[in-house]
């Protein structure tokens, strides 16, 4: 009897090679922070693999329909929180080496993907501008992660952090404009709402998408840089 492989493999047309999950990917997805820490001690460069948006997206696509990995996002968030706490600066109270090194975008994406409202709130409290992304993580990626989590309250918190001044947690209805929503002007708000709609559609969060579309007479008017509408995004999600 052929033994089932638990190592996700995918043929990469770019470079013609097999792509696979590494031990640190597995350890993080399983919530084994002690293993993640030991691997990072052996090779600090593994942090680049652990936090790579491109790799995370691949893992999400490979593991999406596999119930064995239903807790992968939650486990990754747990590992990220432990790593954040381990990197607290003793010399500078309130400072964090991981965030200062530019990994804040990964932390917020990971927290949002897990639907961990407490972790998201903690990160925004540390550095409110993380909601706009950092490094390879942009605001659309963070909103997409929140949509994937199927936790509307996390999506609302992040979107209102984008539209509102720092300090408002924005737990209200997305259909109404937050008090600080005009920051940056009409074009800024429209662009952020456009990104939010595409993120919700791609992430498959129908509840959030319905809220965002309240009062909208033409959903096709919201297009991304390639001209795709939210209908294209939803269809791609399936």
Protein backbone atom coordinates (compact mmCIF):
# COMPACT_ATOMS: atom_id res chain seq x y z
CA UNK A 1 0.00 0.00 0.00
CA UNK A 2 1.41 3.34 -1.03
CA UNK A 3 2.07 5.64 1.89
CA UNK A 4 0.36 9.03 1.69
CA UNK A 5 2.71 11.98 1.48
CA UNK A 6 2.21 14.77 3.99
CA UNK A 7 4.66 17.08 2.25
CA UNK A 8 2.88 19.46 -0.16
CA UNK A 9 4.66 19.50 -3.50
CA UNK A 10 3.93 21.69 -6.48
CA UNK A 11 5.63 21.95 -9.83
CA UNK A 12 6.93 25.47 -10.43
CA UNK A 13 7.00 26.51 -14.07
CA UNK A 14 9.38 29.33 -13.16
CA UNK A 15 12.75 27.67 -12.83
CA UNK A 16 11.26 24.22 -13.54
CA UNK A 17 11.57 22.85 -10.04
CA UNK A 18 9.52 21.31 -7.27
CA UNK A 19 8.40 23.66 -4.54
CA UNK A 20 7.81 22.23 -1.09
CA UNK A 21 7.06 23.18 2.51
CA UNK A 22 10.21 23.42 4.60
CA UNK A 23 10.58 22.18 8.21
CA UNK A 24 10.08 25.70 9.57
CA UNK A 25 6.83 25.99 7.57
CA UNK A 26 5.60 22.74 9.11
CA UNK A 27 6.68 23.71 12.61
CA UNK A 28 4.90 27.07 12.42
CA UNK A 29 1.73 25.56 10.91
CA UNK A 30 1.69 23.00 13.73
CA UNK A 31 2.25 25.62 16.44
CA UNK A 32 5.61 24.25 17.58
CA UNK A 33 7.34 27.45 18.60
CA UNK A 34 10.18 25.62 20.33
CA UNK A 35 11.05 23.93 17.03
CA UNK A 36 10.77 27.22 15.12
CA UNK A 37 13.10 28.89 17.61
CA UNK A 38 15.69 26.11 17.38
CA UNK A 39 15.61 26.21 13.58
CA UNK A 40 16.14 29.98 13.65
CA UNK A 41 19.09 29.51 16.00
CA UNK A 42 20.59 27.07 13.51
CA UNK A 43 19.99 29.35 10.53
CA UNK A 44 18.69 32.89 11.01
CA UNK A 45 18.01 33.13 7.27
CA UNK A 46 15.05 30.79 7.77
CA UNK A 47 13.18 33.82 9.11
CA UNK A 48 13.04 35.05 5.52
CA UNK A 49 11.29 31.84 4.45
CA UNK A 50 8.96 31.87 7.44
CA UNK A 51 7.81 35.42 6.74
CA UNK A 52 7.74 35.35 2.93
CA UNK A 53 4.34 36.43 1.60
CA UNK A 54 4.92 34.45 -1.58
CA UNK A 55 5.55 31.25 0.38
CA UNK A 56 2.60 31.85 2.71
CA UNK A 57 0.26 32.32 -0.26
CA UNK A 58 1.51 29.06 -1.75
CA UNK A 59 0.99 27.22 1.52
CA UNK A 60 -2.50 28.67 1.83
CA UNK A 61 -3.38 27.43 -1.64
CA UNK A 62 -1.94 23.96 -0.96
CA UNK A 63 -3.53 23.55 2.47
CA UNK A 64 -6.83 25.38 1.93
CA UNK A 65 -8.93 22.29 1.25
CA UNK A 66 -7.13 19.94 3.63
CA UNK A 67 -8.84 19.60 7.01
CA UNK A 68 -5.58 18.41 8.54
CA UNK A 69 -4.42 22.01 8.33
CA UNK A 70 -7.60 23.71 9.51
CA UNK A 71 -5.69 25.19 12.47
CA UNK A 72 -2.61 26.23 10.50
CA UNK A 73 -3.45 29.95 10.52
CA UNK A 74 -4.16 29.94 14.26
CA UNK A 75 -0.95 28.04 14.96
CA UNK A 76 1.10 30.41 12.82
CA UNK A 77 -0.35 33.37 14.73
CA UNK A 78 0.57 31.72 18.02
CA UNK A 79 4.14 31.23 16.81
CA UNK A 80 4.28 34.83 15.56
CA UNK A 81 3.12 36.16 18.93
CA UNK A 82 5.73 34.10 20.78
CA UNK A 83 8.42 35.35 18.41
CA UNK A 84 7.24 38.92 18.95
CA UNK A 85 7.49 38.54 22.72
CA UNK A 86 10.92 36.92 22.45
CA UNK A 87 12.14 39.94 20.52
CA UNK A 88 11.11 42.53 23.09
CA UNK A 89 13.94 44.97 23.70
CA UNK A 90 15.09 45.04 27.31
CA UNK A 91 17.24 48.10 26.69
CA UNK A 92 14.36 50.06 25.14
CA UNK A 93 11.04 49.50 26.94
CA UNK A 94 8.25 49.30 24.38
CA UNK A 95 10.67 48.63 21.54
CA UNK A 96 10.68 45.40 19.61
CA UNK A 97 13.52 44.10 17.46
CA UNK A 98 11.21 42.13 15.17
CA UNK A 99 9.08 45.15 14.32
CA UNK A 100 12.12 47.42 13.99
CA UNK A 101 13.63 44.90 11.57
CA UNK A 102 10.63 45.32 9.26
CA UNK A 103 8.57 42.22 10.06
CA UNK A 104 5.53 44.12 11.31
CA UNK A 105 3.64 43.52 8.07
CA UNK A 106 4.08 39.77 8.44
CA UNK A 107 2.93 39.89 12.05
CA UNK A 108 -0.25 41.79 11.18
CA UNK A 109 -1.00 39.57 8.17
CA UNK A 110 -0.56 36.46 10.31
CA UNK A 111 -2.76 37.81 13.09
CA UNK A 112 -5.45 38.85 10.59
CA UNK A 113 -5.36 35.50 8.78
CA UNK A 114 -6.01 33.75 12.10
CA UNK A 115 -8.87 36.12 12.94
CA UNK A 116 -7.11 36.96 16.20
CA UNK A 117 -8.70 40.30 17.12
CA UNK A 118 -6.66 40.63 20.31
CA UNK A 119 -3.35 40.17 18.50
CA UNK A 120 -4.40 42.58 15.73
CA UNK A 121 -5.39 45.20 18.31
CA UNK A 122 -2.10 44.74 20.14
CA UNK A 123 -0.07 45.25 16.96
CA UNK A 124 -2.04 48.33 15.93
CA UNK A 125 -1.58 49.68 19.44
CA UNK A 126 2.18 49.29 19.08
CA UNK A 127 2.37 50.83 15.61
CA UNK A 128 -0.91 52.04 14.03
CA UNK A 129 0.64 52.53 10.58
CA UNK A 130 1.27 48.79 10.29
CA UNK A 131 -2.23 48.59 8.83
CA UNK A 132 -0.85 50.11 5.63
CA UNK A 133 1.58 47.23 5.37
CA UNK A 134 5.33 46.94 5.50
CA UNK A 135 7.85 45.41 3.13
CA UNK A 136 6.15 43.02 0.71
CA UNK A 137 2.91 43.19 2.70
CA UNK A 138 0.51 45.94 1.61
CA UNK A 139 -2.81 47.12 2.99
CA UNK A 140 -4.68 44.95 0.46
CA UNK A 141 -2.80 41.86 1.63
CA UNK A 142 -3.68 42.54 5.26
CA UNK A 143 -7.36 43.05 4.43
CA UNK A 144 -7.32 39.89 2.29
CA UNK A 145 -5.94 37.91 5.23
CA UNK A 146 -8.73 39.23 7.45
CA UNK A 147 -11.32 38.25 4.85
CA UNK A 148 -9.89 34.72 4.68
CA UNK A 149 -10.31 34.36 8.44
CA UNK A 150 -14.11 34.78 8.16
CA UNK A 151 -14.00 37.06 11.19
CA UNK A 152 -15.89 40.21 10.11
CA UNK A 153 -14.98 42.06 13.30
CA UNK A 154 -11.28 41.75 12.45
CA UNK A 155 -11.87 43.05 8.93
CA UNK A 156 -13.88 45.98 10.32
CA UNK A 157 -11.16 46.80 12.82
CA UNK A 158 -8.48 46.88 10.14
CA UNK A 159 -10.50 48.81 7.58
CA UNK A 160 -11.53 51.43 10.10
CA UNK A 161 -7.91 51.71 11.22
CA UNK A 162 -7.12 52.60 7.60
CA UNK A 163 -9.96 55.09 7.27
CA UNK A 164 -9.92 56.56 10.76
CA UNK A 165 -7.34 58.39 12.87
CA UNK A 166 -5.17 56.30 15.17
CA UNK A 167 -6.92 55.46 18.38
CA UNK A 168 -10.32 54.51 16.97
CA UNK A 169 -10.79 50.77 16.93
CA UNK A 170 -13.71 51.11 14.54
CA UNK A 171 -16.00 48.33 15.60
CA UNK A 172 -18.95 49.87 13.80
CA UNK A 173 -20.80 49.00 10.62
CA UNK A 174 -18.76 49.21 7.44
CA UNK A 175 -21.70 50.69 5.59
CA UNK A 176 -21.42 53.97 7.47
CA UNK A 177 -18.47 56.31 7.17
CA UNK A 178 -16.29 56.43 10.28
CA UNK A 179 -15.73 59.85 11.77
CA UNK A 180 -12.20 60.00 10.39
CA UNK A 181 -13.04 58.48 7.03
CA UNK A 182 -12.38 61.69 5.17
CA UNK A 183 -8.70 61.70 6.12
CA UNK A 184 -6.77 62.04 2.89
CA UNK A 185 -9.86 63.12 0.98
CA UNK A 186 -12.46 61.45 -1.17
CA UNK A 187 -9.99 59.77 -3.53
CA UNK A 188 -8.11 58.17 -0.64
CA UNK A 189 -11.31 56.78 0.85
CA UNK A 190 -12.53 55.51 -2.51
CA UNK A 191 -9.23 53.76 -3.21
CA UNK A 192 -9.18 52.10 0.21
CA UNK A 193 -12.81 51.00 -0.14
CA UNK A 194 -12.00 49.64 -3.59
CA UNK A 195 -9.13 47.60 -2.17
CA UNK A 196 -11.29 46.43 0.71
CA UNK A 197 -13.99 45.17 -1.65
CA UNK A 198 -11.51 43.26 -3.77
CA UNK A 199 -9.87 41.81 -0.65
CA UNK A 200 -13.25 40.69 0.72
CA UNK A 201 -14.22 39.15 -2.63
CA UNK A 202 -10.90 37.32 -3.05
CA UNK A 203 -10.94 36.22 0.57
CA UNK A 204 -14.47 34.87 0.24
CA UNK A 205 -16.06 36.86 3.08
CA UNK A 206 -19.61 37.37 1.81
CA UNK A 207 -20.85 39.08 4.97
CA UNK A 208 -18.22 41.80 4.78
CA UNK A 209 -18.69 42.21 1.03
CA UNK A 210 -22.43 42.74 1.49
CA UNK A 211 -21.75 45.43 4.09
CA UNK A 212 -19.27 47.19 1.84
CA UNK A 213 -21.70 47.13 -1.09
CA UNK A 214 -24.57 48.71 0.84
CA UNK A 215 -25.89 51.62 -1.21
CA UNK A 216 -23.66 50.75 -4.18
CA UNK A 217 -25.55 50.93 -7.48
CA UNK A 218 -22.76 49.58 -9.70
CA UNK A 219 -20.44 46.94 -8.27
CA UNK A 220 -18.57 46.78 -11.59
CA UNK A 221 -17.31 50.32 -10.99
CA UNK A 222 -14.80 49.02 -8.46
CA UNK A 223 -11.83 47.76 -10.46
CA UNK A 224 -8.26 46.87 -9.60
CA UNK A 225 -5.12 47.99 -11.44
CA UNK A 226 -5.67 45.30 -14.10
CA UNK A 227 -9.26 46.36 -14.71
CA UNK A 228 -10.76 43.32 -12.95
CA UNK A 229 -13.98 43.92 -11.02
CA UNK A 230 -14.98 42.40 -7.69
CA UNK A 231 -17.02 39.89 -9.70
CA UNK A 232 -13.81 38.65 -11.30
CA UNK A 233 -12.21 38.43 -7.85
CA UNK A 234 -15.16 36.47 -6.44
CA UNK A 235 -15.21 34.14 -9.45
CA UNK A 236 -11.49 33.45 -9.07
CA UNK A 237 -12.13 32.51 -5.45
CA UNK A 238 -14.84 30.10 -6.57
